[in-house]
Amino acid sequence: MTPPSVDWTALEFACAHEADLLTKPDPEADEWYRQGNANYKAGIKTDNQELLRRAIELLHKAAERGHVKAMNNLVTSYLDGDGVKQSDAKAVEWAEELIKRNIGMGYYHMGVFLEQGVGVKQDRKAALTYMRKAADLGNAQGQLVSGDKIRKAVAQSLPEEKVRGFAIGVAMLRCALQQGLSEAGYSLGRHFTNYEEDAAAALDAYQAAAKLGHNQSLFTLQTIFGEGKYGVAKDEVRAACYKRLSDESDEDKTKKFPDIDKICPLPPKPMPRS
């Protein structure tokens, strides 16, 4: 594939959500995808090879009808060898099919392949352009990677360029967080504590990630309030609240906390009475 003609360090970015850019799939293909996806999840959970075989069969039918989510599933299936013979080449082929349709997730997959040299010749410079293209097309993972790369690239730059670069990196992370990527919230929190010394913004970012079930963000909030870090007042009651949620997250990795603002509100809101 010819790399996209995009400057990964370009300091302009308009937030887009990938789900809003995808065309409505063919109803029959969408039903194949739903059945295939359900069989795939059940097959992985129970290690049922027959379910996985049937899942791949349905996903192939949907993908050949142009269903982009089915194509995306096939990329990971061939990469991991779930329900099919493992094949980096096949994973690359399905990523290329997504790229032909200008789908962000396809550019993200190719960026990962180029970064790691999976199925293609390793080319980290080209990987960055694919990641940036994915970000501009609304892919949350691409936004996370590109946002982090840009922030780190300008960290030692002249003040004016650093301010502009940080703003773009933060915008990308916020956009990814809006799409439910909890890791982007954690990265935002680290940015505000490590680079901009904005404790309030960091707490908001960690809280948003914690709401989505990000365990490390819960632990970080526990530590901040437990130790009084970054100029935040020490608050053992709040720290204990986050520890309780962190323990729940340890027991159930899929658990989210949509009511965290009521359970463990950030200051200046008071803690609820027990």
C-alpha atoms as a PDB file:
ATOM      1  CA  MET A   1       0.000   0.000   0.000  1.00  0.00           C
ATOM      2  CA  THR A   2       1.137   3.566  -0.706  1.00  0.00           C
ATOM      3  CA  PRO A   3       1.419   5.450   2.611  1.00  0.00           C
ATOM      4  CA  PRO A   4      -1.134   8.245   3.070  1.00  0.00           C
ATOM      5  CA  SER A   5       0.109  11.727   2.219  1.00  0.00           C
ATOM      6  CA  VAL A   6      -0.340  13.139   5.696  1.00  0.00           C
ATOM      7  CA  ASP A   7       2.092  14.868   8.034  1.00  0.00           C
ATOM      8  CA  TRP A   8       1.704  13.095  11.374  1.00  0.00           C
ATOM      9  CA  THR A   9       3.001  16.188  13.206  1.00  0.00           C
ATOM     10  CA  ALA A  10       0.545  18.560  11.487  1.00  0.00           C
ATOM     11  CA  LEU A  11      -0.761  20.791  14.264  1.00  0.00           C
ATOM     12  CA  GLU A  12      -4.339  20.860  13.063  1.00  0.00           C
ATOM     13  CA  PHE A  13      -6.974  18.404  14.169  1.00  0.00           C
ATOM     14  CA  ALA A  14     -10.758  18.257  14.005  1.00  0.00           C
ATOM     15  CA  CYS A  15     -12.338  15.730  16.346  1.00  0.00           C
ATOM     16  CA  ALA A  16     -14.302  13.060  14.509  1.00  0.00           C
ATOM     17  CA  HIS A  17     -15.956   9.923  15.874  1.00  0.00           C
ATOM     18  CA  GLU A  18     -15.487   6.855  13.717  1.00  0.00           C
ATOM     19  CA  ALA A  19     -18.997   5.537  14.365  1.00  0.00           C
ATOM     20  CA  ASP A  20     -20.447   8.703  12.822  1.00  0.00           C
ATOM     21  CA  LEU A  21     -18.442   8.237   9.630  1.00  0.00           C
ATOM     22  CA  LEU A  22     -19.337   4.615   8.887  1.00  0.00           C
ATOM     23  CA  THR A  23     -22.044   4.025   6.314  1.00  0.00           C
ATOM     24  CA  LYS A  24     -25.088   1.983   7.313  1.00  0.00           C
ATOM     25  CA  PRO A  25     -24.378  -1.672   6.504  1.00  0.00           C
ATOM     26  CA  ASP A  26     -26.491  -3.927   4.328  1.00  0.00           C
ATOM     27  CA  PRO A  27     -29.190  -5.436   6.634  1.00  0.00           C
ATOM     28  CA  GLU A  28     -28.487  -9.053   5.665  1.00  0.00           C
ATOM     29  CA  ALA A  29     -24.726  -8.556   6.030  1.00  0.00           C
ATOM     30  CA  ASP A  30     -25.304  -6.873   9.369  1.00  0.00           C
ATOM     31  CA  GLU A  31     -27.262  -9.887  10.617  1.00  0.00           C
ATOM     32  CA  TRP A  32     -24.441 -12.202   9.517  1.00  0.00           C
ATOM     33  CA  TYR A  33     -22.013  -9.971  11.384  1.00  0.00           C
ATOM     34  CA  ARG A  34     -24.109  -9.959  14.568  1.00  0.00           C
ATOM     35  CA  GLN A  35     -24.463 -13.740  14.545  1.00  0.00           C
ATOM     36  CA  GLY A  36     -20.800 -14.211  13.699  1.00  0.00           C
ATOM     37  CA  ASN A  37     -19.649 -11.792  16.378  1.00  0.00           C
ATOM     38  CA  ALA A  38     -21.831 -13.484  19.004  1.00  0.00           C
ATOM     39  CA  ASN A  39     -20.493 -16.920  18.022  1.00  0.00           C
ATOM     40  CA  TYR A  40     -16.944 -15.563  18.075  1.00  0.00           C
ATOM     41  CA  LYS A  41     -17.266 -14.198  21.619  1.00  0.00           C
ATOM     42  CA  ALA A  42     -18.895 -17.405  22.840  1.00  0.00           C
ATOM     43  CA  GLY A  43     -16.268 -19.519  21.088  1.00  0.00           C
ATOM     44  CA  ILE A  44     -13.398 -17.569  22.642  1.00  0.00           C
ATOM     45  CA  LYS A  45     -14.971 -17.734  26.093  1.00  0.00           C
ATOM     46  CA  THR A  46     -15.591 -21.500  25.960  1.00  0.00           C
ATOM     47  CA  ASP A  47     -12.708 -22.448  23.639  1.00  0.00           C
ATOM     48  CA  ASN A  48     -15.291 -23.997  21.300  1.00  0.00           C
ATOM     49  CA  GLN A  49     -13.622 -24.453  17.924  1.00  0.00           C
ATOM     50  CA  GLU A  50     -16.865 -25.275  16.133  1.00  0.00           C
ATOM     51  CA  LEU A  51     -18.404 -21.974  17.264  1.00  0.00           C
ATOM     52  CA  LEU A  52     -15.276 -20.144  16.132  1.00  0.00           C
ATOM     53  CA  ARG A  53     -15.344 -21.894  12.748  1.00  0.00           C
ATOM     54  CA  ARG A  54     -18.977 -20.908  12.260  1.00  0.00           C
ATOM     55  CA  ALA A  55     -18.214 -17.389  13.396  1.00  0.00           C
ATOM     56  CA  ILE A  56     -15.468 -16.934  10.819  1.00  0.00           C
ATOM     57  CA  GLU A  57     -17.732 -18.324   8.101  1.00  0.00           C
ATOM     58  CA  LEU A  58     -20.402 -15.717   8.903  1.00  0.00           C
ATOM     59  CA  LEU A  59     -17.873 -12.907   9.272  1.00  0.00           C
ATOM     60  CA  HIS A  60     -16.424 -13.738   5.870  1.00  0.00           C
ATOM     61  CA  LYS A  61     -19.889 -13.584   4.293  1.00  0.00           C
ATOM     62  CA  ALA A  62     -20.533 -10.196   5.892  1.00  0.00           C
ATOM     63  CA  ALA A  63     -17.076  -8.840   5.009  1.00  0.00           C
ATOM     64  CA  GLU A  64     -17.426  -9.879   1.378  1.00  0.00           C
ATOM     65  CA  ARG A  65     -20.668  -7.845   1.329  1.00  0.00           C
ATOM     66  CA  GLY A  66     -18.670  -4.816   2.511  1.00  0.00           C
ATOM     67  CA  HIS A  67     -19.383  -4.925   6.264  1.00  0.00           C
ATOM     68  CA  VAL A  68     -16.451  -2.989   7.770  1.00  0.00           C
ATOM     69  CA  LYS A  69     -16.826  -4.291  11.342  1.00  0.00           C
ATOM     70  CA  ALA A  70     -16.705  -7.847  10.011  1.00  0.00           C
ATOM     71  CA  MET A  71     -13.525  -6.972   8.123  1.00  0.00           C
ATOM     72  CA  ASN A  72     -12.082  -5.557  11.327  1.00  0.00           C
ATOM     73  CA  ASN A  73     -12.886  -8.782  13.171  1.00  0.00           C
ATOM     74  CA  LEU A  74     -11.175 -10.801  10.473  1.00  0.00           C
ATOM     75  CA  VAL A  75      -8.002  -8.732  10.862  1.00  0.00           C
ATOM     76  CA  THR A  76      -7.753  -9.727  14.522  1.00  0.00           C
ATOM     77  CA  SER A  77      -8.929 -13.300  13.900  1.00  0.00           C
ATOM     78  CA  TYR A  78      -6.179 -13.989  11.373  1.00  0.00           C
ATOM     79  CA  LEU A  79      -3.652 -12.164  13.523  1.00  0.00           C
ATOM     80  CA  ASP A  80      -4.462 -14.306  16.573  1.00  0.00           C
ATOM     81  CA  GLY A  81      -5.363 -17.513  14.736  1.00  0.00           C
ATOM     82  CA  ASP A  82      -8.812 -17.766  16.320  1.00  0.00           C
ATOM     83  CA  GLY A  83     -11.103 -19.972  14.214  1.00  0.00           C
ATOM     84  CA  VAL A  84      -8.672 -19.816  11.292  1.00  0.00           C
ATOM     85  CA  LYS A  85      -5.080 -20.740  10.538  1.00  0.00           C
ATOM     86  CA  GLN A  86      -2.962 -17.874  11.836  1.00  0.00           C
ATOM     87  CA  SER A  87      -1.833 -15.662   8.970  1.00  0.00           C
ATOM     88  CA  ASP A  88      -0.181 -12.255   9.188  1.00  0.00           C
ATOM     89  CA  ALA A  89      -0.599 -11.920   5.421  1.00  0.00           C
ATOM     90  CA  LYS A  90      -4.383 -12.428   5.643  1.00  0.00           C
ATOM     91  CA  ALA A  91      -4.589  -9.923   8.505  1.00  0.00           C
ATOM     92  CA  VAL A  92      -2.782  -7.386   6.321  1.00  0.00           C
ATOM     93  CA  GLU A  93      -5.088  -8.137   3.387  1.00  0.00           C
ATOM     94  CA  TRP A  94      -8.200  -7.359   5.405  1.00  0.00           C
ATOM     95  CA  ALA A  95      -6.608  -4.210   6.818  1.00  0.00           C
ATOM     96  CA  GLU A  96      -5.946  -3.149   3.223  1.00  0.00           C
ATOM     97  CA  GLU A  97      -9.596  -3.763   2.363  1.00  0.00           C
ATOM     98  CA  LEU A  98     -10.568  -1.338   5.110  1.00  0.00           C
ATOM     99  CA  ILE A  99      -8.036   1.215   3.862  1.00  0.00           C
ATOM    100  CA  LYS A 100      -9.482   0.978   0.346  1.00  0.00           C
ATOM    101  CA  ARG A 101     -12.767   2.135   1.894  1.00  0.00           C
ATOM    102  CA  ASN A 102     -10.964   4.937   3.785  1.00  0.00           C
ATOM    103  CA  ILE A 103     -11.873   3.463   7.183  1.00  0.00           C
ATOM    104  CA  GLY A 104      -9.870   4.674  10.174  1.00  0.00           C
ATOM    105  CA  MET A 105      -9.577   1.267  11.839  1.00  0.00           C
ATOM    106  CA  GLY A 106      -7.830  -0.051   8.730  1.00  0.00           C
ATOM    107  CA  TYR A 107      -5.202   2.682   8.896  1.00  0.00           C
ATOM    108  CA  TYR A 108      -4.746   1.975  12.610  1.00  0.00           C
ATOM    109  CA  HIS A 109      -4.158  -1.747  12.010  1.00  0.00           C
ATOM    110  CA  MET A 110      -1.648  -0.967   9.265  1.00  0.00           C
ATOM    111  CA  GLY A 111       0.112   1.494  11.553  1.00  0.00           C
ATOM    112  CA  VAL A 112       0.526  -1.254  14.146  1.00  0.00           C
ATOM    113  CA  PHE A 113       1.754  -3.728  11.515  1.00  0.00           C
ATOM    114  CA  LEU A 114       4.332  -1.247  10.202  1.00  0.00           C
ATOM    115  CA  GLU A 115       5.453  -0.314  13.711  1.00  0.00           C
ATOM    116  CA  GLN A 116       6.008  -3.956  14.648  1.00  0.00           C
ATOM    117  CA  GLY A 117       6.920  -5.415  11.253  1.00  0.00           C
ATOM    118  CA  VAL A 118       3.950  -7.804  11.242  1.00  0.00           C
ATOM    119  CA  GLY A 119       3.175  -9.092   7.741  1.00  0.00           C
ATOM    120  CA  VAL A 120       4.977  -6.096   6.224  1.00  0.00           C
ATOM    121  CA  LYS A 121       8.476  -4.644   6.308  1.00  0.00           C
ATOM    122  CA  GLN A 122       8.949  -2.649   9.508  1.00  0.00           C
ATOM    123  CA  ASP A 123       8.768   1.102   8.845  1.00  0.00           C
ATOM    124  CA  ARG A 124       8.169   3.206  11.939  1.00  0.00           C
ATOM    125  CA  LYS A 125       8.098   6.486  10.010  1.00  0.00           C
ATOM    126  CA  ALA A 126       5.347   5.211   7.715  1.00  0.00           C
ATOM    127  CA  ALA A 127       3.533   3.798  10.763  1.00  0.00           C
ATOM    128  CA  LEU A 128       3.168   7.318  12.157  1.00  0.00           C
ATOM    129  CA  THR A 129       1.467   8.569   8.994  1.00  0.00           C
ATOM    130  CA  TYR A 130      -1.000   5.678   9.097  1.00  0.00           C
ATOM    131  CA  MET A 131      -1.752   6.366  12.764  1.00  0.00           C
ATOM    132  CA  ARG A 132      -2.313  10.054  12.058  1.00  0.00           C
ATOM    133  CA  LYS A 133      -4.637   9.228   9.159  1.00  0.00           C
ATOM    134  CA  ALA A 134      -6.563   6.875  11.456  1.00  0.00           C
ATOM    135  CA  ALA A 135      -6.870   9.685  14.016  1.00  0.00           C
ATOM    136  CA  ASP A 136      -8.204  12.147  11.447  1.00  0.00           C
ATOM    137  CA  LEU A 137     -10.745   9.535  10.322  1.00  0.00           C
ATOM    138  CA  GLY A 138     -12.087   9.271  13.854  1.00  0.00           C
ATOM    139  CA  ASN A 139     -10.379   6.087  15.059  1.00  0.00           C
ATOM    140  CA  ALA A 140     -10.010   6.331  18.830  1.00  0.00           C
ATOM    141  CA  GLN A 141      -6.912   4.122  19.057  1.00  0.00           C
ATOM    142  CA  GLY A 142      -5.261   6.166  16.322  1.00  0.00           C
ATOM    143  CA  GLN A 143      -6.112   9.340  18.219  1.00  0.00           C
ATOM    144  CA  LEU A 144      -4.573   7.956  21.409  1.00  0.00           C
ATOM    145  CA  VAL A 145      -1.335   6.915  19.703  1.00  0.00           C
ATOM    146  CA  SER A 146      -1.035  10.096  17.611  1.00  0.00           C
ATOM    147  CA  GLY A 147      -1.895  12.342  20.539  1.00  0.00           C
ATOM    148  CA  ASP A 148       0.771  10.744  22.712  1.00  0.00           C
ATOM    149  CA  LYS A 149       3.366  10.822  19.928  1.00  0.00           C
ATOM    150  CA  ILE A 150       2.779  14.513  19.187  1.00  0.00           C
ATOM    151  CA  ARG A 151       2.920  15.475  22.867  1.00  0.00           C
ATOM    152  CA  LYS A 152       6.219  13.658  23.339  1.00  0.00           C
ATOM    153  CA  ALA A 153       7.645  15.039  20.090  1.00  0.00           C
ATOM    154  CA  VAL A 154       7.132  18.669  21.137  1.00  0.00           C
ATOM    155  CA  ALA A 155       7.936  18.270  24.846  1.00  0.00           C
ATOM    156  CA  GLN A 156      11.431  19.714  24.375  1.00  0.00           C
ATOM    157  CA  SER A 157      10.491  22.234  21.667  1.00  0.00           C
ATOM    158  CA  LEU A 158      10.364  26.017  21.824  1.00  0.00           C
ATOM    159  CA  PRO A 159       7.539  27.309  24.064  1.00  0.00           C
ATOM    160  CA  GLU A 160       5.220  28.422  21.246  1.00  0.00           C
ATOM    161  CA  GLU A 161       5.522  25.141  19.345  1.00  0.00           C
ATOM    162  CA  LYS A 162       5.172  23.165  22.579  1.00  0.00           C
ATOM    163  CA  VAL A 163       1.928  24.953  23.470  1.00  0.00           C
ATOM    164  CA  ARG A 164       0.471  24.297  20.022  1.00  0.00           C
ATOM    165  CA  GLY A 165       1.624  20.671  20.023  1.00  0.00           C
ATOM    166  CA  PHE A 166       0.263  20.014  23.489  1.00  0.00           C
ATOM    167  CA  ALA A 167      -3.096  21.499  22.495  1.00  0.00           C
ATOM    168  CA  ILE A 168      -3.383  19.160  19.512  1.00  0.00           C
ATOM    169  CA  GLY A 169      -2.263  16.127  21.487  1.00  0.00           C
ATOM    170  CA  VAL A 170      -4.758  16.903  24.249  1.00  0.00           C
ATOM    171  CA  ALA A 171      -7.543  17.426  21.685  1.00  0.00           C
ATOM    172  CA  MET A 172      -6.837  13.996  20.210  1.00  0.00           C
ATOM    173  CA  LEU A 173      -6.878  12.341  23.623  1.00  0.00           C
ATOM    174  CA  ARG A 174     -10.126  14.079  24.564  1.00  0.00           C
ATOM    175  CA  CYS A 175     -11.688  12.934  21.299  1.00  0.00           C
ATOM    176  CA  ALA A 176     -10.641   9.343  21.959  1.00  0.00           C
ATOM    177  CA  LEU A 177     -11.997   9.561  25.508  1.00  0.00           C
ATOM    178  CA  GLN A 178     -15.331  10.817  24.191  1.00  0.00           C
ATOM    179  CA  GLN A 179     -15.523   7.597  22.181  1.00  0.00           C
ATOM    180  CA  GLY A 180     -15.126   5.501  25.322  1.00  0.00           C
ATOM    181  CA  LEU A 181     -11.398   4.729  25.175  1.00  0.00           C
ATOM    182  CA  SER A 182     -10.533   4.792  28.866  1.00  0.00           C
ATOM    183  CA  GLU A 183      -6.776   4.613  28.275  1.00  0.00           C
ATOM    184  CA  ALA A 184      -6.998   8.063  26.665  1.00  0.00           C
ATOM    185  CA  GLY A 185      -8.323   9.496  29.934  1.00  0.00           C
ATOM    186  CA  TYR A 186      -5.437   7.975  31.845  1.00  0.00           C
ATOM    187  CA  SER A 187      -2.968   9.415  29.329  1.00  0.00           C
ATOM    188  CA  LEU A 188      -4.631  12.811  29.687  1.00  0.00           C
ATOM    189  CA  GLY A 189      -4.299  12.662  33.446  1.00  0.00           C
ATOM    190  CA  ARG A 190      -0.594  11.870  33.182  1.00  0.00           C
ATOM    191  CA  HIS A 191      -0.144  14.720  30.723  1.00  0.00           C
ATOM    192  CA  PHE A 192      -1.684  17.283  33.056  1.00  0.00           C
ATOM    193  CA  THR A 193       0.392  16.128  36.030  1.00  0.00           C
ATOM    194  CA  ASN A 194       3.689  15.612  34.180  1.00  0.00           C
ATOM    195  CA  TYR A 195       3.663  18.453  31.646  1.00  0.00           C
ATOM    196  CA  GLU A 196       1.169  21.189  32.510  1.00  0.00           C
ATOM    197  CA  GLU A 197       0.920  20.856  36.305  1.00  0.00           C
ATOM    198  CA  ASP A 198      -2.870  21.222  36.186  1.00  0.00           C
ATOM    199  CA  ALA A 199      -4.132  19.035  39.013  1.00  0.00           C
ATOM    200  CA  ALA A 200      -7.812  19.864  38.467  1.00  0.00           C
ATOM    201  CA  ALA A 201      -7.667  18.851  34.783  1.00  0.00           C
ATOM    202  CA  ALA A 202      -5.763  15.702  35.731  1.00  0.00           C
ATOM    203  CA  LEU A 203      -8.396  14.699  38.296  1.00  0.00           C
ATOM    204  CA  ASP A 204     -11.178  15.243  35.742  1.00  0.00           C
ATOM    205  CA  ALA A 205      -9.344  13.046  33.218  1.00  0.00           C
ATOM    206  CA  TYR A 206      -8.646  10.246  35.692  1.00  0.00           C
ATOM    207  CA  GLN A 207     -12.258  10.397  36.875  1.00  0.00           C
ATOM    208  CA  ALA A 208     -13.559  10.079  33.304  1.00  0.00           C
ATOM    209  CA  ALA A 209     -11.306   7.074  32.703  1.00  0.00           C
ATOM    210  CA  ALA A 210     -12.306   5.526  36.041  1.00  0.00           C
ATOM    211  CA  LYS A 211     -15.967   5.889  35.077  1.00  0.00           C
ATOM    212  CA  LEU A 212     -15.178   3.650  32.094  1.00  0.00           C
ATOM    213  CA  GLY A 213     -13.595   1.075  34.390  1.00  0.00           C
ATOM    214  CA  HIS A 214      -9.904   1.961  33.972  1.00  0.00           C
ATOM    215  CA  ASN A 215      -8.280   0.289  36.964  1.00  0.00           C
ATOM    216  CA  GLN A 216      -5.005   2.224  36.872  1.00  0.00           C
ATOM    217  CA  SER A 217      -6.926   5.510  36.969  1.00  0.00           C
ATOM    218  CA  LEU A 218      -8.840   4.320  40.038  1.00  0.00           C
ATOM    219  CA  PHE A 219      -5.553   3.393  41.707  1.00  0.00           C
ATOM    220  CA  THR A 220      -4.022   6.740  40.729  1.00  0.00           C
ATOM    221  CA  LEU A 221      -6.950   8.659  42.243  1.00  0.00           C
ATOM    222  CA  GLN A 222      -6.607   6.579  45.399  1.00  0.00           C
ATOM    223  CA  THR A 223      -2.898   7.476  45.563  1.00  0.00           C
ATOM    224  CA  ILE A 224      -3.397  11.188  44.843  1.00  0.00           C
ATOM    225  CA  PHE A 225      -5.924  11.615  47.638  1.00  0.00           C
ATOM    226  CA  GLY A 226      -4.194   9.166  49.961  1.00  0.00           C
ATOM    227  CA  GLU A 227      -0.839  10.950  49.718  1.00  0.00           C
ATOM    228  CA  GLY A 228      -1.947  14.486  48.855  1.00  0.00           C
ATOM    229  CA  LYS A 229       0.035  14.569  45.604  1.00  0.00           C
ATOM    230  CA  TYR A 230       0.267  17.371  43.007  1.00  0.00           C
ATOM    231  CA  GLY A 231      -0.972  19.970  45.459  1.00  0.00           C
ATOM    232  CA  VAL A 232      -4.246  18.123  46.042  1.00  0.00           C
ATOM    233  CA  ALA A 233      -5.366  18.097  49.674  1.00  0.00           C
ATOM    234  CA  LYS A 234      -4.936  14.757  51.389  1.00  0.00           C
ATOM    235  CA  ASP A 235      -8.320  13.096  51.833  1.00  0.00           C
ATOM    236  CA  GLU A 236      -8.325   9.612  53.317  1.00  0.00           C
ATOM    237  CA  VAL A 237     -12.094   9.234  52.942  1.00  0.00           C
ATOM    238  CA  ARG A 238     -11.915   9.814  49.195  1.00  0.00           C
ATOM    239  CA  ALA A 239      -8.857   7.588  48.938  1.00  0.00           C
ATOM    240  CA  ALA A 240     -10.751   4.771  50.668  1.00  0.00           C
ATOM    241  CA  CYS A 241     -13.669   5.273  48.282  1.00  0.00           C
ATOM    242  CA  TYR A 242     -11.435   4.853  45.220  1.00  0.00           C
ATOM    243  CA  LYS A 243      -9.718   1.856  46.798  1.00  0.00           C
ATOM    244  CA  ARG A 244     -13.091   0.162  47.192  1.00  0.00           C
ATOM    245  CA  LEU A 245     -13.885   0.695  43.511  1.00  0.00           C
ATOM    246  CA  SER A 246     -10.385  -0.387  42.516  1.00  0.00           C
ATOM    247  CA  ASP A 247     -10.854  -3.630  44.443  1.00  0.00           C
ATOM    248  CA  GLU A 248     -14.169  -4.195  42.645  1.00  0.00           C
ATOM    249  CA  SER A 249     -12.413  -3.578  39.339  1.00  0.00           C
ATOM    250  CA  ASP A 250      -9.737  -6.123  40.236  1.00  0.00           C
ATOM    251  CA  GLU A 251     -12.448  -8.729  40.760  1.00  0.00           C
ATOM    252  CA  ASP A 252     -14.344  -7.877  37.564  1.00  0.00           C
ATOM    253  CA  LYS A 253     -12.169  -6.449  34.792  1.00  0.00           C
ATOM    254  CA  THR A 254     -15.240  -5.526  32.718  1.00  0.00           C
ATOM    255  CA  LYS A 255     -16.933  -3.469  35.425  1.00  0.00           C
ATOM    256  CA  LYS A 256     -17.641   0.212  34.797  1.00  0.00           C
ATOM    257  CA  PHE A 257     -18.685   2.904  37.244  1.00  0.00           C
ATOM    258  CA  PRO A 258     -21.224   5.216  35.554  1.00  0.00           C
ATOM    259  CA  ASP A 259     -22.265   6.661  38.954  1.00  0.00           C
ATOM    260  CA  ILE A 260     -18.730   7.396  40.136  1.00  0.00           C
ATOM    261  CA  ASP A 261     -19.469  11.129  40.402  1.00  0.00           C
ATOM    262  CA  LYS A 262     -22.049  10.289  43.057  1.00  0.00           C
ATOM    263  CA  ILE A 263     -20.092   7.491  44.749  1.00  0.00           C
ATOM    264  CA  CYS A 264     -16.659   9.173  44.819  1.00  0.00           C
ATOM    265  CA  PRO A 265     -17.197  12.787  43.723  1.00  0.00           C
ATOM    266  CA  LEU A 266     -14.238  15.025  43.047  1.00  0.00           C
ATOM    267  CA  PRO A 267     -13.744  18.061  45.300  1.00  0.00           C
ATOM    268  CA  PRO A 268     -15.156  20.582  45.980  1.00  0.00           C
ATOM    269  CA  LYS A 269     -18.234  18.334  46.053  1.00  0.00           C
ATOM    270  CA  PRO A 270     -18.636  16.706  49.469  1.00  0.00           C
ATOM    271  CA  MET A 271     -18.450  12.959  49.880  1.00  0.00           C
ATOM    272  CA  PRO A 272     -21.863  11.307  50.334  1.00  0.00           C
ATOM    273  CA  ARG A 273     -22.864  10.341  53.824  1.00  0.00           C
ATOM    274  CA  SER A 274     -22.350   6.669  54.534  1.00  0.00           C
END
